[in-house]
PDB file of N, CA and C in Angstrom:
ATOM      1  N   UNK A   1       0.854  -0.847   0.060  1.00  0.00           N
ATOM      2  CA  UNK A   1      -0.008   0.155  -0.212  1.00  0.00           C
ATOM      3  C   UNK A   1       0.560   0.834   0.131  1.00  0.00           C
ATOM      4  N   UNK A   2       2.162   1.033   0.936  1.00  0.00           N
ATOM      5  CA  UNK A   2       2.714   2.446   0.974  1.00  0.00           C
ATOM      6  C   UNK A   2       3.582   2.444  -0.354  1.00  0.00           C
ATOM      7  N   UNK A   3       4.505   1.846  -0.821  1.00  0.00           N
ATOM      8  CA  UNK A   3       4.699   2.176  -1.915  1.00  0.00           C
ATOM      9  C   UNK A   3       4.061   2.102  -3.280  1.00  0.00           C
ATOM     10  N   UNK A   4       3.243   1.674  -2.893  1.00  0.00           N
ATOM     11  CA  UNK A   4       1.921   2.457  -4.586  1.00  0.00           C
ATOM     12  C   UNK A   4       2.408   3.611  -4.488  1.00  0.00           C
ATOM     13  N   UNK A   5       1.871   4.683  -2.923  1.00  0.00           N
ATOM     14  CA  UNK A   5       1.545   6.043  -3.055  1.00  0.00           C
ATOM     15  C   UNK A   5       2.658   6.490  -3.446  1.00  0.00           C
ATOM     16  N   UNK A   6       4.154   6.367  -3.014  1.00  0.00           N
ATOM     17  CA  UNK A   6       5.445   5.895  -2.949  1.00  0.00           C
ATOM     18  C   UNK A   6       5.229   7.000  -5.041  1.00  0.00           C
ATOM     19  N   UNK A   7       4.845   5.267  -5.216  1.00  0.00           N
ATOM     20  CA  UNK A   7       4.740   5.424  -6.935  1.00  0.00           C
ATOM     21  C   UNK A   7       3.856   6.973  -7.515  1.00  0.00           C
ATOM     22  N   UNK A   8       2.722   6.773  -6.968  1.00  0.00           N
ATOM     23  CA  UNK A   8       2.089   7.645  -7.611  1.00  0.00           C
ATOM     24  C   UNK A   8       2.450   8.670  -7.034  1.00  0.00           C
ATOM     25  N   UNK A   9       3.428   9.142  -5.992  1.00  0.00           N
ATOM     26  CA  UNK A   9       4.131  10.266  -6.017  1.00  0.00           C
ATOM     27  C   UNK A   9       5.011  10.684  -6.828  1.00  0.00           C
ATOM     28  N   UNK A  10       5.930   9.436  -6.919  1.00  0.00           N
ATOM     29  CA  UNK A  10       6.804   9.725  -7.907  1.00  0.00           C
ATOM     30  C   UNK A  10       6.248   9.824  -9.550  1.00  0.00           C
ATOM     31  N   UNK A  11       5.711   9.530  -9.700  1.00  0.00           N
ATOM     32  CA  UNK A  11       5.071   9.458 -10.728  1.00  0.00           C
ATOM     33  C   UNK A  11       4.459  10.653 -11.353  1.00  0.00           C
ATOM     34  N   UNK A  12       4.023  11.519 -10.287  1.00  0.00           N
ATOM     35  CA  UNK A  12       3.253  12.735  -9.896  1.00  0.00           C
ATOM     36  C   UNK A  12       3.913  14.194 -10.558  1.00  0.00           C
ATOM     37  N   UNK A  13       5.109  13.492  -9.861  1.00  0.00           N
ATOM     38  CA  UNK A  13       6.360  14.280  -9.940  1.00  0.00           C
ATOM     39  C   UNK A  13       7.135  14.301 -10.731  1.00  0.00           C
ATOM     40  N   UNK A  14       7.345  13.457 -11.634  1.00  0.00           N
ATOM     41  CA  UNK A  14       8.417  13.141 -12.754  1.00  0.00           C
ATOM     42  C   UNK A  14       6.935  13.356 -13.791  1.00  0.00           C
ATOM     43  N   UNK A  15       6.508  14.092 -13.870  1.00  0.00           N
ATOM     44  CA  UNK A  15       4.841  14.668 -14.728  1.00  0.00           C
ATOM     45  C   UNK A  15       4.715  15.824 -15.186  1.00  0.00           C
ATOM     46  N   UNK A  16       5.432  16.481 -13.650  1.00  0.00           N
ATOM     47  CA  UNK A  16       5.070  17.253 -13.675  1.00  0.00           C
ATOM     48  C   UNK A  16       6.192  18.774 -13.844  1.00  0.00           C
ATOM     49  N   UNK A  17       7.158  17.062 -13.600  1.00  0.00           N
ATOM     50  CA  UNK A  17       8.820  18.096 -13.957  1.00  0.00           C
ATOM     51  C   UNK A  17       8.541  18.424 -15.081  1.00  0.00           C
ATOM     52  N   UNK A  18       8.162  17.471 -16.712  1.00  0.00           N
ATOM     53  CA  UNK A  18       8.159  16.981 -17.781  1.00  0.00           C
ATOM     54  C   UNK A  18       7.294  18.038 -17.943  1.00  0.00           C
ATOM     55  N   UNK A  19       6.028  18.487 -17.705  1.00  0.00           N
ATOM     56  CA  UNK A  19       5.722  19.328 -17.811  1.00  0.00           C
ATOM     57  C   UNK A  19       6.101  20.914 -18.361  1.00  0.00           C
ATOM     58  N   UNK A  20       7.220  21.172 -17.426  1.00  0.00           N
ATOM     59  CA  UNK A  20       7.131  22.392 -17.138  1.00  0.00           C
ATOM     60  C   UNK A  20       8.179  22.727 -17.544  1.00  0.00           C
ATOM     61  N   UNK A  21       9.685  21.376 -17.677  1.00  0.00           N
ATOM     62  CA  UNK A  21      10.231  21.163 -19.011  1.00  0.00           C
ATOM     63  C   UNK A  21      10.271  22.089 -20.295  1.00  0.00           C
ATOM     64  N   UNK A  22       8.884  21.160 -20.336  1.00  0.00           N
ATOM     65  CA  UNK A  22       9.000  21.235 -22.018  1.00  0.00           C
ATOM     66  C   UNK A  22       8.054  22.634 -22.138  1.00  0.00           C
ATOM     67  N   UNK A  23       7.323  23.258 -21.936  1.00  0.00           N
ATOM     68  CA  UNK A  23       7.599  24.309 -21.831  1.00  0.00           C
ATOM     69  C   UNK A  23       7.466  25.479 -21.535  1.00  0.00           C
ATOM     70  N   UNK A  24       8.967  25.456 -20.280  1.00  0.00           N
ATOM     71  CA  UNK A  24       9.672  26.244 -20.955  1.00  0.00           C
ATOM     72  C   UNK A  24      10.556  26.395 -22.210  1.00  0.00           C
ATOM     73  N   UNK A  25      10.523  25.159 -22.840  1.00  0.00           N
ATOM     74  CA  UNK A  25      10.971  24.781 -23.598  1.00  0.00           C
ATOM     75  C   UNK A  25      10.641  26.316 -25.330  1.00  0.00           C
ATOM     76  N   UNK A  26       8.380  25.392 -25.315  1.00  0.00           N
ATOM     77  CA  UNK A  26       8.244  26.646 -26.041  1.00  0.00           C
ATOM     78  C   UNK A  26       8.611  27.728 -25.230  1.00  0.00           C
ATOM     79  N   UNK A  27       8.765  28.313 -24.246  1.00  0.00           N
ATOM     80  CA  UNK A  27       8.700  29.419 -24.251  1.00  0.00           C
ATOM     81  C   UNK A  27      10.184  30.563 -25.215  1.00  0.00           C
ATOM     82  N   UNK A  28      10.945  29.847 -24.605  1.00  0.00           N
ATOM     83  CA  UNK A  28      12.395  29.628 -25.215  1.00  0.00           C
ATOM     84  C   UNK A  28      11.754  30.572 -27.029  1.00  0.00           C
ATOM     85  N   UNK A  29      11.294  29.395 -27.659  1.00  0.00           N
ATOM     86  CA  UNK A  29      11.024  29.656 -28.659  1.00  0.00           C
ATOM     87  C   UNK A  29       9.858  30.478 -29.423  1.00  0.00           C
ATOM     88  N   UNK A  30       9.305  30.479 -28.284  1.00  0.00           N
ATOM     89  CA  UNK A  30       8.362  31.559 -28.575  1.00  0.00           C
ATOM     90  C   UNK A  30       8.020  33.101 -28.372  1.00  0.00           C
ATOM     91  N   UNK A  31       9.150  33.178 -26.854  1.00  0.00           N
ATOM     92  CA  UNK A  31       9.061  34.885 -26.416  1.00  0.00           C
ATOM     93  C   UNK A  31      10.180  36.141 -27.988  1.00  0.00           C
ATOM     94  N   UNK A  32       9.428  36.927 -27.121  1.00  0.00           N
ATOM     95  CA  UNK A  32       9.760  37.806 -28.488  1.00  0.00           C
ATOM     96  C   UNK A  32      11.187  37.777 -28.543  1.00  0.00           C
ATOM     97  N   UNK A  33      11.377  38.504 -26.943  1.00  0.00           N
ATOM     98  CA  UNK A  33      13.006  38.516 -26.665  1.00  0.00           C
ATOM     99  C   UNK A  33      13.507  38.457 -25.137  1.00  0.00           C
ATOM    100  N   UNK A  34      15.080  38.656 -25.473  1.00  0.00           N
ATOM    101  CA  UNK A  34      15.895  37.819 -24.679  1.00  0.00           C
ATOM    102  C   UNK A  34      15.590  37.247 -23.191  1.00  0.00           C
ATOM    103  N   UNK A  35      15.236  39.019 -22.623  1.00  0.00           N
ATOM    104  CA  UNK A  35      14.917  39.164 -20.719  1.00  0.00           C
ATOM    105  C   UNK A  35      12.996  37.328 -20.566  1.00  0.00           C
ATOM    106  N   UNK A  36      12.293  38.397 -21.037  1.00  0.00           N
ATOM    107  CA  UNK A  36      11.076  36.865 -20.951  1.00  0.00           C
ATOM    108  C   UNK A  36      11.957  35.608 -21.940  1.00  0.00           C
ATOM    109  N   UNK A  37      13.100  35.344 -22.649  1.00  0.00           N
ATOM    110  CA  UNK A  37      13.493  34.065 -22.621  1.00  0.00           C
ATOM    111  C   UNK A  37      13.819  33.375 -21.696  1.00  0.00           C
ATOM    112  N   UNK A  38      14.620  34.558 -20.866  1.00  0.00           N
ATOM    113  CA  UNK A  38      15.510  34.018 -20.069  1.00  0.00           C
ATOM    114  C   UNK A  38      14.307  34.257 -18.699  1.00  0.00           C
ATOM    115  N   UNK A  39      13.207  34.733 -18.790  1.00  0.00           N
ATOM    116  CA  UNK A  39      12.404  34.408 -17.360  1.00  0.00           C
ATOM    117  C   UNK A  39      11.859  33.310 -18.002  1.00  0.00           C
ATOM    118  N   UNK A  40      11.022  33.245 -18.519  1.00  0.00           N
ATOM    119  CA  UNK A  40      10.975  31.149 -18.999  1.00  0.00           C
ATOM    120  C   UNK A  40      12.455  30.177 -18.526  1.00  0.00           C
ATOM    121  N   UNK A  41      13.183  30.545 -18.951  1.00  0.00           N
ATOM    122  CA  UNK A  41      14.057  29.178 -18.835  1.00  0.00           C
ATOM    123  C   UNK A  41      15.212  28.624 -17.235  1.00  0.00           C
ATOM    124  N   UNK A  42      14.791  30.551 -16.668  1.00  0.00           N
ATOM    125  CA  UNK A  42      14.772  30.748 -15.496  1.00  0.00           C
ATOM    126  C   UNK A  42      14.306  29.881 -14.401  1.00  0.00           C
ATOM    127  N   UNK A  43      13.149  29.963 -14.092  1.00  0.00           N
ATOM    128  CA  UNK A  43      11.474  29.757 -13.710  1.00  0.00           C
ATOM    129  C   UNK A  43      11.528  28.392 -13.608  1.00  0.00           C
ATOM    130  N   UNK A  44      11.221  28.166 -14.679  1.00  0.00           N
ATOM    131  CA  UNK A  44      10.732  27.092 -15.147  1.00  0.00           C
ATOM    132  C   UNK A  44      11.816  25.419 -14.784  1.00  0.00           C
ATOM    133  N   UNK A  45      12.240  25.956 -15.616  1.00  0.00           N
ATOM    134  CA  UNK A  45      14.215  25.136 -16.189  1.00  0.00           C
ATOM    135  C   UNK A  45      14.420  24.513 -14.689  1.00  0.00           C
ATOM    136  N   UNK A  46      14.338  25.814 -13.519  1.00  0.00           N
ATOM    137  CA  UNK A  46      14.321  25.265 -11.870  1.00  0.00           C
ATOM    138  C   UNK A  46      13.773  24.711 -11.442  1.00  0.00           C
ATOM    139  N   UNK A  47      11.954  25.038 -11.534  1.00  0.00           N
ATOM    140  CA  UNK A  47      11.350  24.373 -10.526  1.00  0.00           C
ATOM    141  C   UNK A  47      10.777  22.587 -11.340  1.00  0.00           C
ATOM    142  N   UNK A  48      11.403  22.428 -13.061  1.00  0.00           N
ATOM    143  CA  UNK A  48      11.398  21.446 -13.615  1.00  0.00           C
ATOM    144  C   UNK A  48      12.111  20.289 -13.214  1.00  0.00           C
ATOM    145  N   UNK A  49      13.525  21.571 -13.330  1.00  0.00           N
ATOM    146  CA  UNK A  49      14.630  19.714 -12.604  1.00  0.00           C
ATOM    147  C   UNK A  49      13.955  19.664 -11.323  1.00  0.00           C
ATOM    148  N   UNK A  50      13.830  20.495 -10.165  1.00  0.00           N
ATOM    149  CA  UNK A  50      13.645  19.753  -8.466  1.00  0.00           C
ATOM    150  C   UNK A  50      12.482  18.614  -9.430  1.00  0.00           C
ATOM    151  N   UNK A  51      11.049  19.030  -9.319  1.00  0.00           N
ATOM    152  CA  UNK A  51       9.797  17.867 -10.187  1.00  0.00           C
ATOM    153  C   UNK A  51      10.573  16.649  -9.933  1.00  0.00           C
ATOM    154  N   UNK A  52      11.355  17.059 -11.349  1.00  0.00           N
ATOM    155  CA  UNK A  52      11.919  15.707 -12.363  1.00  0.00           C
ATOM    156  C   UNK A  52      12.823  14.865 -11.080  1.00  0.00           C
ATOM    157  N   UNK A  53      14.112  15.811  -9.905  1.00  0.00           N
ATOM    158  CA  UNK A  53      14.921  15.651  -9.619  1.00  0.00           C
ATOM    159  C   UNK A  53      14.152  14.549  -8.129  1.00  0.00           C
ATOM    160  N   UNK A  54      12.868  15.097  -7.241  1.00  0.00           N
ATOM    161  CA  UNK A  54      11.586  14.710  -7.124  1.00  0.00           C
ATOM    162  C   UNK A  54      11.565  13.269  -7.111  1.00  0.00           C
ATOM    163  N   UNK A  55      10.881  13.546  -8.177  1.00  0.00           N
ATOM    164  CA  UNK A  55      10.122  12.439  -8.241  1.00  0.00           C
ATOM    165  C   UNK A  55      11.394  10.759  -8.272  1.00  0.00           C
ATOM    166  N   UNK A  56      12.679  11.397  -8.937  1.00  0.00           N
ATOM    167  CA  UNK A  56      13.462  10.584  -8.872  1.00  0.00           C
ATOM    168  C   UNK A  56      13.907   9.836  -7.901  1.00  0.00           C
ATOM    169  N   UNK A  57      13.658  10.750  -6.737  1.00  0.00           N
ATOM    170  CA  UNK A  57      14.545  10.424  -5.299  1.00  0.00           C
ATOM    171  C   UNK A  57      13.892   9.634  -5.150  1.00  0.00           C
ATOM    172  N   UNK A  58      12.642  10.107  -4.766  1.00  0.00           N
ATOM    173  CA  UNK A  58      11.412   9.278  -4.060  1.00  0.00           C
ATOM    174  C   UNK A  58      11.786   7.629  -4.753  1.00  0.00           C
ATOM    175  N   UNK A  59      11.611   7.275  -6.296  1.00  0.00           N
ATOM    176  CA  UNK A  59      11.422   6.057  -6.870  1.00  0.00           C
ATOM    177  C   UNK A  59      12.620   4.925  -6.140  1.00  0.00           C
ATOM    178  N   UNK A  60      14.299   6.147  -5.413  1.00  0.00           N
ATOM    179  CA  UNK A  60      15.401   5.784  -5.406  1.00  0.00           C
ATOM    180  C   UNK A  60      14.783   5.234  -3.888  1.00  0.00           C
ATOM    181  N   UNK A  61      14.356   5.467  -3.303  1.00  0.00           N
ATOM    182  CA  UNK A  61      14.474   5.059  -1.672  1.00  0.00           C
ATOM    183  C   UNK A  61      15.218   5.863  -0.904  1.00  0.00           C
ATOM    184  N   UNK A  62      15.677   5.892   0.733  1.00  0.00           N
ATOM    185  CA  UNK A  62      16.663   6.625   0.988  1.00  0.00           C
ATOM    186  C   UNK A  62      17.917   5.681   1.232  1.00  0.00           C
ATOM    187  N   UNK A  63      18.415   5.985   0.245  1.00  0.00           N
ATOM    188  CA  UNK A  63      19.591   5.177  -0.474  1.00  0.00           C
ATOM    189  C   UNK A  63      21.351   6.527  -0.645  1.00  0.00           C
ATOM    190  N   UNK A  64      21.856   5.322  -1.331  1.00  0.00           N
ATOM    191  CA  UNK A  64      22.871   6.729  -1.624  1.00  0.00           C
ATOM    192  C   UNK A  64      22.740   7.142  -2.544  1.00  0.00           C
ATOM    193  N   UNK A  65      22.041   7.290  -3.496  1.00  0.00           N
ATOM    194  CA  UNK A  65      21.691   7.778  -4.816  1.00  0.00           C
ATOM    195  C   UNK A  65      20.722   8.443  -4.760  1.00  0.00           C
ATOM    196  N   UNK A  66      20.077   8.111  -3.911  1.00  0.00           N
ATOM    197  CA  UNK A  66      18.767   9.935  -3.201  1.00  0.00           C
ATOM    198  C   UNK A  66      19.446  11.173  -2.798  1.00  0.00           C
ATOM    199  N   UNK A  67      20.125  10.503  -1.736  1.00  0.00           N
ATOM    200  CA  UNK A  67      21.382  12.245  -1.231  1.00  0.00           C
ATOM    201  C   UNK A  67      22.290  12.205  -2.421  1.00  0.00           C
ATOM    202  N   UNK A  68      22.679  11.623  -3.540  1.00  0.00           N
ATOM    203  CA  UNK A  68      23.123  12.776  -4.377  1.00  0.00           C
ATOM    204  C   UNK A  68      22.347  12.975  -5.269  1.00  0.00           C
ATOM    205  N   UNK A  69      20.785  13.034  -5.570  1.00  0.00           N
ATOM    206  CA  UNK A  69      20.228  13.815  -5.991  1.00  0.00           C
ATOM    207  C   UNK A  69      19.503  14.973  -5.538  1.00  0.00           C
ATOM    208  N   UNK A  70      19.743  14.927  -3.873  1.00  0.00           N
ATOM    209  CA  UNK A  70      19.379  16.150  -2.842  1.00  0.00           C
ATOM    210  C   UNK A  70      20.554  16.960  -3.425  1.00  0.00           C
ATOM    211  N   UNK A  71      21.874  16.507  -3.006  1.00  0.00           N
ATOM    212  CA  UNK A  71      23.046  17.209  -3.626  1.00  0.00           C
ATOM    213  C   UNK A  71      22.614  17.674  -4.695  1.00  0.00           C
ATOM    214  N   UNK A  72      21.865  17.571  -5.695  1.00  0.00           N
ATOM    215  CA  UNK A  72      21.814  17.697  -7.239  1.00  0.00           C
ATOM    216  C   UNK A  72      21.385  19.341  -7.208  1.00  0.00           C
ATOM    217  N   UNK A  73      19.701  18.622  -5.990  1.00  0.00           N
ATOM    218  CA  UNK A  73      18.932  19.883  -6.379  1.00  0.00           C
ATOM    219  C   UNK A  73      19.858  20.518  -5.493  1.00  0.00           C
ATOM    220  N   UNK A  74      20.416  20.814  -4.456  1.00  0.00           N
ATOM    221  CA  UNK A  74      20.596  22.051  -3.911  1.00  0.00           C
ATOM    222  C   UNK A  74      21.518  22.978  -4.775  1.00  0.00           C
ATOM    223  N   UNK A  75      22.472  22.047  -5.355  1.00  0.00           N
ATOM    224  CA  UNK A  75      23.729  23.157  -6.893  1.00  0.00           C
ATOM    225  C   UNK A  75      22.637  23.461  -7.544  1.00  0.00           C
ATOM    226  N   UNK A  76      21.461  22.634  -7.949  1.00  0.00           N
ATOM    227  CA  UNK A  76      20.584  23.772  -9.229  1.00  0.00           C
ATOM    228  C   UNK A  76      19.859  24.753  -8.250  1.00  0.00           C
ATOM    229  N   UNK A  77      19.548  24.653  -7.561  1.00  0.00           N
ATOM    230  CA  UNK A  77      18.787  25.523  -6.789  1.00  0.00           C
ATOM    231  C   UNK A  77      19.952  26.642  -6.273  1.00  0.00           C
ATOM    232  N   UNK A  78      21.067  26.743  -6.191  1.00  0.00           N
ATOM    233  CA  UNK A  78      22.056  27.562  -5.866  1.00  0.00           C
ATOM    234  C   UNK A  78      22.150  28.720  -7.284  1.00  0.00           C
ATOM    235  N   UNK A  79      22.783  27.630  -8.576  1.00  0.00           N
ATOM    236  CA  UNK A  79      23.200  28.368  -9.142  1.00  0.00           C
ATOM    237  C   UNK A  79      21.909  28.676 -10.169  1.00  0.00           C
ATOM    238  N   UNK A  80      21.003  28.067 -10.409  1.00  0.00           N
ATOM    239  CA  UNK A  80      20.480  28.672 -11.685  1.00  0.00           C
ATOM    240  C   UNK A  80      19.201  29.949 -11.881  1.00  0.00           C
ATOM    241  N   UNK A  81      18.760  30.608 -10.568  1.00  0.00           N
ATOM    242  CA  UNK A  81      18.703  32.226 -10.570  1.00  0.00           C
ATOM    243  C   UNK A  81      19.808  33.534 -10.490  1.00  0.00           C
ATOM    244  N   UNK A  82      20.907  32.397 -10.012  1.00  0.00           N
ATOM    245  CA  UNK A  82      22.615  33.228 -10.187  1.00  0.00           C
ATOM    246  C   UNK A  82      22.555  33.611 -11.781  1.00  0.00           C
ATOM    247  N   UNK A  83      22.503  32.115 -11.890  1.00  0.00           N
ATOM    248  CA  UNK A  83      23.433  32.206 -14.066  1.00  0.00           C
ATOM    249  C   UNK A  83      22.644  33.794 -14.364  1.00  0.00           C
ATOM    250  N   UNK A  84      21.364  32.887 -14.256  1.00  0.00           N
ATOM    251  CA  UNK A  84      19.710  33.556 -14.275  1.00  0.00           C
ATOM    252  C   UNK A  84      19.758  35.399 -14.824  1.00  0.00           C
ATOM    253  N   UNK A  85      20.227  35.808 -13.279  1.00  0.00           N
ATOM    254  CA  UNK A  85      20.925  37.860 -12.435  1.00  0.00           C
ATOM    255  C   UNK A  85      21.746  37.595 -13.583  1.00  0.00           C
ATOM    256  N   UNK A  86      22.773  36.875 -13.488  1.00  0.00           N
ATOM    257  CA  UNK A  86      23.535  37.855 -14.029  1.00  0.00           C
ATOM    258  C   UNK A  86      23.572  37.583 -15.196  1.00  0.00           C
ATOM    259  N   UNK A  87      23.237  36.502 -16.524  1.00  0.00           N
ATOM    260  CA  UNK A  87      22.913  36.602 -17.438  1.00  0.00           C
ATOM    261  C   UNK A  87      21.910  38.468 -18.183  1.00  0.00           C
ATOM    262  N   UNK A  88      21.130  38.142 -17.650  1.00  0.00           N
ATOM    263  CA  UNK A  88      20.332  39.650 -17.415  1.00  0.00           C
ATOM    264  C   UNK A  88      21.607  40.471 -17.104  1.00  0.00           C
ATOM    265  N   UNK A  89      21.632  41.463 -16.188  1.00  0.00           N
ATOM    266  CA  UNK A  89      22.789  41.520 -15.569  1.00  0.00           C
ATOM    267  C   UNK A  89      23.771  42.661 -16.667  1.00  0.00           C
ATOM    268  N   UNK A  90      24.265  41.926 -17.287  1.00  0.00           N
ATOM    269  CA  UNK A  90      25.229  41.668 -18.528  1.00  0.00           C
ATOM    270  C   UNK A  90      24.480  41.785 -19.428  1.00  0.00           C
ATOM    271  N   UNK A  91      23.462  41.348 -19.722  1.00  0.00           N
ATOM    272  CA  UNK A  91      22.898  41.954 -21.318  1.00  0.00           C
ATOM    273  C   UNK A  91      21.636  43.695 -21.223  1.00  0.00           C
ATOM    274  N   UNK A  92      22.417  43.768 -19.912  1.00  0.00           N
ATOM    275  CA  UNK A  92      21.567  44.813 -18.985  1.00  0.00           C
ATOM    276  C   UNK A  92      22.354  46.575 -19.973  1.00  0.00           C
ATOM    277  N   UNK A  93      23.269  46.433 -18.702  1.00  0.00           N
ATOM    278  CA  UNK A  93      25.331  46.921 -18.843  1.00  0.00           C
ATOM    279  C   UNK A  93      25.932  46.373 -20.817  1.00  0.00           C
ATOM    280  N   UNK A  94      24.938  45.303 -20.863  1.00  0.00           N
ATOM    281  CA  UNK A  94      25.556  45.855 -23.013  1.00  0.00           C
ATOM    282  C   UNK A  94      24.749  46.406 -23.736  1.00  0.00           C
ATOM    283  N   UNK A  95      23.677  46.795 -22.861  1.00  0.00           N
ATOM    284  CA  UNK A  95      22.931  47.748 -23.940  1.00  0.00           C
ATOM    285  C   UNK A  95      21.947  46.889 -24.728  1.00  0.00           C
ATOM    286  N   UNK A  96      21.800  46.164 -24.093  1.00  0.00           N
ATOM    287  CA  UNK A  96      20.255  45.225 -25.117  1.00  0.00           C
ATOM    288  C   UNK A  96      19.567  45.929 -23.975  1.00  0.00           C
ATOM    289  N   UNK A  97      17.821  45.911 -24.435  1.00  0.00           N
ATOM    290  CA  UNK A  97      16.429  47.255 -24.157  1.00  0.00           C
ATOM    291  C   UNK A  97      15.543  45.972 -24.540  1.00  0.00           C
ATOM    292  N   UNK A  98      14.797  45.893 -23.543  1.00  0.00           N
ATOM    293  CA  UNK A  98      13.895  44.449 -23.856  1.00  0.00           C
ATOM    294  C   UNK A  98      12.858  45.169 -24.599  1.00  0.00           C
ATOM    295  N   UNK A  99      12.208  44.153 -25.312  1.00  0.00           N
ATOM    296  CA  UNK A  99      11.392  44.626 -26.862  1.00  0.00           C
ATOM    297  C   UNK A  99      10.416  45.278 -25.585  1.00  0.00           C
ATOM    298  N   UNK A 100       9.619  46.141 -26.905  1.00  0.00           N
ATOM    299  CA  UNK A 100       8.472  47.842 -26.278  1.00  0.00           C
ATOM    300  C   UNK A 100       6.917  46.980 -27.378  1.00  0.00           C
ATOM    301  N   UNK A 101       7.296  45.626 -28.075  1.00  0.00           N
ATOM    302  CA  UNK A 101       5.998  45.455 -28.127  1.00  0.00           C
ATOM    303  C   UNK A 101       4.797  45.581 -27.565  1.00  0.00           C
ATOM    304  N   UNK A 102       3.682  45.259 -27.321  1.00  0.00           N
ATOM    305  CA  UNK A 102       3.078  45.231 -26.560  1.00  0.00           C
ATOM    306  C   UNK A 102       2.110  43.424 -26.407  1.00  0.00           C
ATOM    307  N   UNK A 103       1.485  43.057 -25.604  1.00  0.00           N
ATOM    308  CA  UNK A 103       1.142  41.422 -26.018  1.00  0.00           C
ATOM    309  C   UNK A 103       0.413  41.069 -25.955  1.00  0.00           C
ATOM    310  N   UNK A 104      -0.038  40.197 -27.040  1.00  0.00           N
ATOM    311  CA  UNK A 104      -1.385  40.535 -27.726  1.00  0.00           C
ATOM    312  C   UNK A 104      -2.178  39.146 -26.722  1.00  0.00           C
ATOM    313  N   UNK A 105      -1.558  39.054 -25.331  1.00  0.00           N
ATOM    314  CA  UNK A 105      -2.505  38.265 -24.731  1.00  0.00           C
ATOM    315  C   UNK A 105      -4.348  39.581 -24.356  1.00  0.00           C
ATOM    316  N   UNK A 106      -3.258  40.963 -24.069  1.00  0.00           N
ATOM    317  CA  UNK A 106      -5.035  41.944 -23.156  1.00  0.00           C
ATOM    318  C   UNK A 106      -4.283  43.251 -24.470  1.00  0.00           C
ATOM    319  N   UNK A 107      -6.115  43.032 -24.119  1.00  0.00           N
ATOM    320  CA  UNK A 107      -6.444  44.975 -24.810  1.00  0.00           C
ATOM    321  C   UNK A 107      -6.438  45.984 -24.166  1.00  0.00           C
ATOM    322  N   UNK A 108      -5.833  47.167 -23.942  1.00  0.00           N
ATOM    323  CA  UNK A 108      -6.059  48.446 -23.130  1.00  0.00           C
ATOM    324  C   UNK A 108      -6.990  48.813 -23.850  1.00  0.00           C
ATOM    325  N   UNK A 109      -7.555  49.962 -23.031  1.00  0.00           N
ATOM    326  CA  UNK A 109      -9.214  50.655 -23.533  1.00  0.00           C
ATOM    327  C   UNK A 109      -8.642  52.131 -23.732  1.00  0.00           C
TER     328      UNK A 109
END
């Protein structure tokens, strides 16, 4: 009974991670400028990777591989936001301006 619940949670985390990673890839292809693409990559990739590693850790149980997965997760949580911030700051200092095209989602009156 308990193993069935662990498997269900693991597969839910793996599926959620895959969905966030696919959404991040679509955002990289569809968003109009560097900053919005960086936003999609920075947020969705971090969450997708975290969910994927959580799902793998649940499948591994409390073993040495799950401890290694936890260490990878901590590394990703520390480096991904830092590198995203460094890239955005570098682009801003080099003179790259955000796109001024309005989004097609909402219309102002």
